[in-house]
Amino acid sequence: MGNGEGQLLVRGFTQNYIQVLINGIPTNDPESNAVYWSNWGAVSANAGSIQIQRGAGSSLYGAGSFGGSFNILTENANPYPYYSLHGSVGSPMNTLFGGSLSTGLI
């Protein structure tokens, strides 16, 4: 796998037999039904919840969901402006700092 690539298995089925959705929108390739995770790098930072449904009972999502379905629901945008800073201090190699800034809904 390349940089940023991953693999998802549900009940032993590869991601070619799992329907992957973001906010209910399918992200699988229409021809091979594969999922290219490198295209969705920022989704994990904005994930509000993840829903996994196993088995062919998820026929609502189409034939690609034979092994199950995997739905990532993102968080809603904050309507108000805000900023935040956060940090984590450990050994010198594990010190992390970050921040968030939002203008709110414009």
Protein backbone atom coordinates (compact mmCIF):
# COMPACT_ATOMS: atom_id res chain seq x y z
CA MET A 1 0.00 0.00 0.00
CA GLY A 2 1.14 3.51 -0.72
CA ASN A 3 1.43 6.51 1.53
CA GLY A 4 -1.89 7.18 3.26
CA GLU A 5 -3.47 3.99 1.99
CA GLY A 6 -5.31 1.66 4.30
CA GLN A 7 -7.51 -1.38 4.15
CA LEU A 8 -10.85 -2.20 5.71
CA LEU A 9 -12.06 -5.74 6.42
CA VAL A 10 -15.52 -6.65 7.74
CA ARG A 11 -16.22 -10.31 8.52
CA GLY A 12 -13.27 -11.30 6.32
CA PHE A 13 -14.53 -9.45 3.25
CA THR A 14 -12.19 -6.97 1.60
CA GLN A 15 -13.28 -3.40 0.98
CA ASN A 16 -14.35 -4.36 -2.56
CA TYR A 17 -17.37 -6.05 -0.92
CA ILE A 18 -18.03 -3.32 1.66
CA GLN A 19 -19.95 -0.16 0.88
CA VAL A 20 -18.05 2.83 2.31
CA LEU A 21 -20.11 5.99 2.74
CA ILE A 22 -19.37 9.49 4.00
CA ASN A 23 -22.55 11.18 5.27
CA GLY A 24 -24.51 8.57 3.32
CA ILE A 25 -22.73 9.25 0.02
CA PRO A 26 -20.94 6.22 -1.52
CA THR A 27 -17.19 6.64 -2.00
CA ASN A 28 -16.37 3.30 -3.62
CA ASP A 29 -15.01 3.26 -7.16
CA PRO A 30 -17.94 2.60 -9.54
CA GLU A 31 -16.06 -0.04 -11.58
CA SER A 32 -13.96 -2.04 -9.12
CA ASN A 33 -15.83 -1.04 -5.92
CA ALA A 34 -12.41 -0.33 -4.35
CA VAL A 35 -11.88 2.50 -1.84
CA TYR A 36 -8.93 4.87 -2.17
CA TRP A 37 -8.34 6.12 1.36
CA SER A 38 -5.67 8.63 0.34
CA ASN A 39 -8.47 10.79 -1.12
CA TRP A 40 -10.14 11.15 2.31
CA GLY A 41 -7.29 12.28 4.59
CA ALA A 42 -9.21 14.94 6.54
CA VAL A 43 -12.32 12.86 7.16
CA SER A 44 -10.91 11.20 10.28
CA ALA A 45 -10.29 14.62 11.85
CA ASN A 46 -13.92 15.63 11.29
CA ALA A 47 -15.64 12.33 12.08
CA GLY A 48 -18.49 12.75 14.54
CA SER A 49 -19.49 9.08 14.52
CA ILE A 50 -18.86 5.90 12.57
CA GLN A 51 -21.57 3.36 11.85
CA ILE A 52 -20.76 -0.21 10.82
CA GLN A 53 -23.44 -2.62 9.64
CA ARG A 54 -22.31 -6.14 8.89
CA GLY A 55 -23.84 -8.61 6.49
CA ALA A 56 -25.96 -8.59 3.40
CA GLY A 57 -28.89 -7.14 5.34
CA SER A 58 -27.68 -3.69 4.36
CA SER A 59 -29.15 -4.02 0.86
CA LEU A 60 -30.32 -0.42 1.17
CA TYR A 61 -26.78 0.60 0.11
CA GLY A 62 -26.62 -1.53 -3.05
CA ALA A 63 -24.90 -4.65 -4.31
CA GLY A 64 -21.46 -3.45 -3.16
CA SER A 65 -22.45 -3.96 0.47
CA PHE A 66 -22.35 -7.79 0.46
CA GLY A 67 -19.92 -7.85 3.42
CA GLY A 68 -21.51 -4.85 5.13
CA SER A 69 -21.51 -1.08 5.10
CA PHE A 70 -19.29 1.51 6.78
CA ASN A 71 -20.71 5.04 7.18
CA ILE A 72 -18.69 7.98 8.50
CA LEU A 73 -20.81 10.89 9.73
CA THR A 74 -18.94 14.18 9.95
CA GLU A 75 -19.54 16.82 12.61
CA ASN A 76 -21.64 19.86 11.81
CA ALA A 77 -19.90 23.19 11.40
CA ASN A 78 -19.83 25.40 14.48
CA PRO A 79 -22.07 28.43 13.78
CA TYR A 80 -20.02 30.73 16.04
CA PRO A 81 -16.43 31.96 15.68
CA TYR A 82 -13.93 30.26 17.98
CA TYR A 83 -10.28 29.42 18.44
CA SER A 84 -8.53 26.85 20.56
CA LEU A 85 -5.00 25.74 21.29
CA HIS A 86 -4.07 22.35 22.63
CA GLY A 87 -0.91 20.56 23.48
CA SER A 88 0.42 17.30 24.79
CA VAL A 89 3.77 17.04 26.52
CA GLY A 90 5.62 13.77 26.88
CA SER A 91 9.17 12.81 26.15
CA PRO A 92 10.95 15.20 23.75
CA MET A 93 9.98 13.01 20.80
CA ASN A 94 6.28 12.95 21.79
CA THR A 95 5.50 16.63 22.36
CA LEU A 96 2.55 17.73 20.24
CA PHE A 97 0.97 21.15 19.79
CA GLY A 98 -1.98 22.15 17.66
CA GLY A 99 -4.82 24.54 17.31
CA SER A 100 -8.17 25.17 15.73
CA LEU A 101 -9.64 28.34 14.29
CA SER A 102 -13.09 28.89 12.84
CA THR A 103 -14.83 31.97 11.50
CA GLY A 104 -18.21 30.38 12.12
CA LEU A 105 -20.91 30.42 9.49
CA ILE A 106 -20.47 33.32 7.12
